[in-house]
Protein backbone atom coordinates (compact mmCIF):
# COMPACT_ATOMS: atom_id res chain seq x y z
CA LEU A 1 44.71 83.20 20.36
CA PRO A 2 46.54 80.16 21.45
CA THR A 3 49.54 79.32 19.05
CA GLY A 4 51.45 76.03 18.65
CA PRO A 5 50.97 72.78 18.22
CA GLY A 6 47.88 70.59 20.12
CA TRP A 7 45.18 72.97 20.21
CA ALA A 8 42.09 72.43 18.26
CA PHE A 9 39.81 75.53 17.05
CA GLU A 10 36.15 75.86 16.76
CA PHE A 11 33.78 78.40 16.10
CA SER A 12 31.59 80.27 18.53
CA TRP A 13 27.94 80.63 17.78
CA ASP A 14 25.43 82.55 19.14
CA GLY A 15 22.77 80.39 20.83
CA VAL A 16 21.27 79.22 24.30
CA ARG A 17 23.88 77.10 25.80
CA SER A 18 22.32 73.15 27.03
CA LEU A 19 22.62 69.96 27.49
CA ALA A 20 21.01 67.72 25.03
CA SER A 21 19.91 64.02 26.91
CA VAL A 22 19.34 62.41 23.87
CA ALA A 23 17.91 58.40 23.58
CA PRO A 24 16.34 56.53 20.90
CA ASP A 25 13.34 58.51 19.26
CA ARG A 26 13.80 61.65 21.40
CA MET A 27 16.07 64.44 22.91
CA GLY A 28 15.50 66.33 26.01
CA LEU A 29 16.69 69.94 26.38
CA PHE A 30 17.95 71.23 29.80
CA SER A 31 19.64 75.24 30.68
CA GLY A 32 22.52 75.38 32.46
CA THR A 33 20.52 75.00 36.00
CA HIS A 34 19.39 71.82 34.99
CA ARG A 35 15.62 73.04 34.21
CA SER A 36 14.10 71.23 30.89
CA ILE A 37 13.76 73.73 27.91
CA SER A 38 12.27 70.92 25.80
CA ASP A 39 9.06 71.59 25.08
CA ALA A 40 10.28 75.58 24.22
CA TYR A 41 12.40 73.62 21.22
CA PRO A 42 9.74 71.02 19.88
CA GLU A 43 11.09 70.74 16.79
CA LEU A 44 14.75 69.31 18.50
CA GLU A 45 12.74 66.78 20.94
CA ALA A 46 12.20 64.33 17.85
CA LEU A 47 16.20 64.10 17.22
CA GLY A 48 16.75 61.25 18.80
CA GLY A 49 19.72 59.08 17.88
CA GLN A 50 20.51 55.01 17.94
CA ARG A 51 21.77 55.12 21.20
CA ARG A 52 21.74 57.12 23.93
CA MET A 53 24.17 59.91 25.50
CA LEU A 54 24.36 63.16 26.88
CA LEU A 55 25.88 66.16 24.49
CA ASP A 56 26.83 69.65 25.05
CA GLY A 57 25.61 72.08 22.71
CA LYS A 58 24.35 75.38 21.79
CA ILE A 59 20.16 76.45 20.62
CA VAL A 60 21.07 78.34 17.46
CA ALA A 61 18.86 80.28 14.85
CA LEU A 62 19.99 81.24 11.16
CA ASP A 63 18.82 85.05 10.26
CA SER A 64 17.99 85.01 6.11
CA CYS A 65 21.78 84.77 5.24
CA GLY A 66 22.49 81.55 6.94
CA ARG A 67 24.66 82.92 9.54
CA PRO A 68 23.12 82.79 13.61
CA SER A 69 21.33 85.52 15.06
CA PHE A 70 20.68 85.71 18.69
CA ALA A 71 18.01 88.56 17.26
CA GLN A 72 16.44 85.93 15.41
CA LEU A 73 16.44 83.35 18.48
CA GLN A 74 15.25 86.06 21.08
CA LEU A 75 11.70 85.78 19.12
CA ARG A 76 12.14 81.73 20.56
CA MET A 77 13.56 82.63 24.07
CA ASN A 78 11.38 82.90 26.56
CA VAL A 79 8.14 81.25 24.86
CA GLN A 80 7.39 78.29 26.70
CA ARG A 81 4.99 76.37 23.70
CA PRO A 82 5.58 77.61 20.72
CA THR A 83 2.76 78.00 18.13
CA ARG A 84 3.23 76.69 14.71
CA ALA A 85 3.20 79.70 13.63
CA MET A 86 6.46 81.18 15.45
CA LEU A 87 8.04 77.34 14.52
CA ARG A 88 8.57 78.46 11.32
CA ARG A 89 9.08 82.25 11.61
CA ALA A 90 12.63 81.25 13.75
CA PRO A 91 13.62 78.03 13.22
CA VAL A 92 16.56 76.79 15.54
CA ALA A 93 18.77 74.14 15.29
CA TYR A 94 20.86 72.27 17.55
CA TYR A 95 24.78 72.55 17.34
CA VAL A 96 27.10 69.67 18.78
CA PHE A 97 30.52 70.55 20.36
CA ASP A 98 31.00 67.84 23.34
CA LEU A 99 30.09 64.45 24.22
CA LEU A 100 30.15 63.99 28.17
CA ARG A 101 28.28 60.32 28.39
CA LEU A 102 27.75 57.66 26.13
CA ASP A 103 25.80 54.62 26.45
CA ASP A 104 26.14 54.17 29.90
CA ARG A 105 30.12 55.28 30.27
CA SER A 106 31.30 58.64 30.45
CA THR A 107 33.56 60.47 28.36
CA VAL A 108 34.17 63.73 30.18
CA GLY A 109 37.85 61.95 31.21
CA LEU A 110 38.83 61.31 27.65
CA PRO A 111 41.03 63.47 25.63
CA TYR A 112 38.82 66.25 23.48
CA GLN A 113 40.02 64.85 20.23
CA ARG A 114 38.49 61.44 21.19
CA ARG A 115 35.64 63.01 21.95
CA ARG A 116 35.17 65.17 19.52
CA GLU A 117 36.06 61.12 17.02
CA LEU A 118 33.26 60.12 18.78
CA LEU A 119 30.73 62.71 17.91
CA GLU A 120 31.45 62.51 13.95
CA GLU A 121 31.71 58.67 13.93
CA LEU A 122 28.04 59.33 15.77
CA GLU A 123 27.80 60.77 12.36
CA LEU A 124 24.81 63.30 14.20
CA ALA A 125 24.65 65.66 11.78
CA GLY A 126 21.49 66.21 9.58
CA GLY A 127 18.43 68.27 9.70
CA PRO A 128 18.06 70.31 12.59
CA MET A 129 21.09 68.39 14.69
CA VAL A 130 24.71 69.93 13.09
CA LEU A 131 28.15 68.76 14.31
CA PRO A 132 30.28 72.09 13.47
CA PRO A 133 33.66 71.96 12.17
CA SER A 134 36.66 71.74 14.46
CA PHE A 135 40.49 72.52 13.25
CA LEU A 136 42.77 70.56 14.34
CA ASP A 137 46.93 71.97 14.73
CA THR A 138 45.79 74.58 12.42
CA ASP A 139 46.43 77.68 12.16
CA GLY A 140 43.95 79.53 14.83
CA GLN A 141 44.67 82.82 12.93
CA VAL A 142 43.35 82.01 9.59
CA VAL A 143 40.14 80.43 11.77
CA LEU A 144 39.69 83.69 13.21
CA ASP A 145 39.53 85.62 9.88
CA THR A 146 36.72 83.12 8.38
CA ALA A 147 34.77 83.76 11.37
CA ALA A 148 34.71 87.94 11.16
CA GLN A 149 34.74 87.37 7.48
CA TYR A 150 31.20 85.35 8.10
CA GLY A 151 30.68 87.71 10.69
CA LEU A 152 30.66 85.10 13.43
CA PRO A 153 31.20 86.44 17.37
CA GLY A 154 34.97 84.58 17.20
CA VAL A 155 36.41 81.31 18.36
CA ILE A 156 37.12 78.72 20.86
CA ALA A 157 39.96 77.01 20.46
CA LYS A 158 40.07 73.31 22.78
CA ARG A 159 42.96 71.71 24.56
CA ALA A 160 43.28 68.65 21.60
CA ASP A 161 44.76 66.41 24.97
CA SER A 162 41.98 68.22 27.73
CA SER A 163 39.31 66.79 29.41
CA TYR A 164 35.69 68.19 29.77
CA GLN A 165 35.49 70.56 32.35
CA PRO A 166 32.54 72.75 32.91
CA GLY A 167 32.94 76.61 33.19
CA ARG A 168 36.11 78.12 32.33
CA SER A 169 38.81 76.14 31.94
CA ARG A 170 42.57 76.89 30.81
CA SER A 171 42.67 74.29 28.16
CA TRP A 172 39.58 75.92 26.53
CA VAL A 173 40.54 80.23 25.25
CA GLN A 174 37.36 82.01 23.78
CA THR A 175 38.26 84.92 21.61
CA THR A 176 35.79 86.99 20.74
CA LEU A 177 35.55 89.75 17.62
CA ARG A 178 34.64 92.84 18.68
CA GLN A 179 33.63 95.26 15.99
CA THR A 180 34.90 99.27 17.25
CA GLN A 181 35.02 102.68 15.48
CA GLU A 182 36.57 105.78 16.59
CA VAL A 183 34.67 108.51 16.24
CA ILE A 184 34.14 112.08 16.74
CA ILE A 185 31.22 113.54 17.34
CA GLY A 186 29.93 117.20 16.74
CA GLY A 187 27.05 119.99 17.60
CA TRP A 188 26.12 123.37 16.88
CA VAL A 189 24.33 125.25 19.23
CA PRO A 190 23.13 128.75 17.21
CA ARG A 191 23.26 131.40 18.96
CA ARG A 192 20.41 133.62 20.23
CA ASN A 193 20.12 137.15 19.24
CA ASN A 194 20.65 139.27 22.29
CA ASP A 195 23.97 136.77 22.99
């Protein structure tokens, strides 16, 4: 877990990573392989914005306690055209964590902190679109402990001055919480009479 100034921390979310192309009155979703997945999540398709933008985020389903649940999301994965019953049984939301384009301007070269400010100014949160919190110059261990307390998978530390880079980067460090336990398993086999 990175320490020191210049880091922002976000919670990690169990979900399907996707890009969202937002235009007035509609939103298109694309997988990491650039395949359209909009039909699989029709409740997100209507999330249009006032401006055109390209967002990076995750499609997330929540359990009955309001925590991200990959098991709940699996009910929707690979379902090309979900029924109304399926939409009610396993609703999803789009958790936005980065802005790649705004109107006709690329934002990938801007520092993370500025991209985050732009996201907040756009006031996207509402309904099935969520802008999760970002904690700048905060003790990362406190954020990680909070993630553990609420059953989240971990945190992602991002350099406040880093540009957007797809894939792995030293400027973005993921710390995953792992639950482990040491156990001893014993067994007993009854003796046979002739032994």
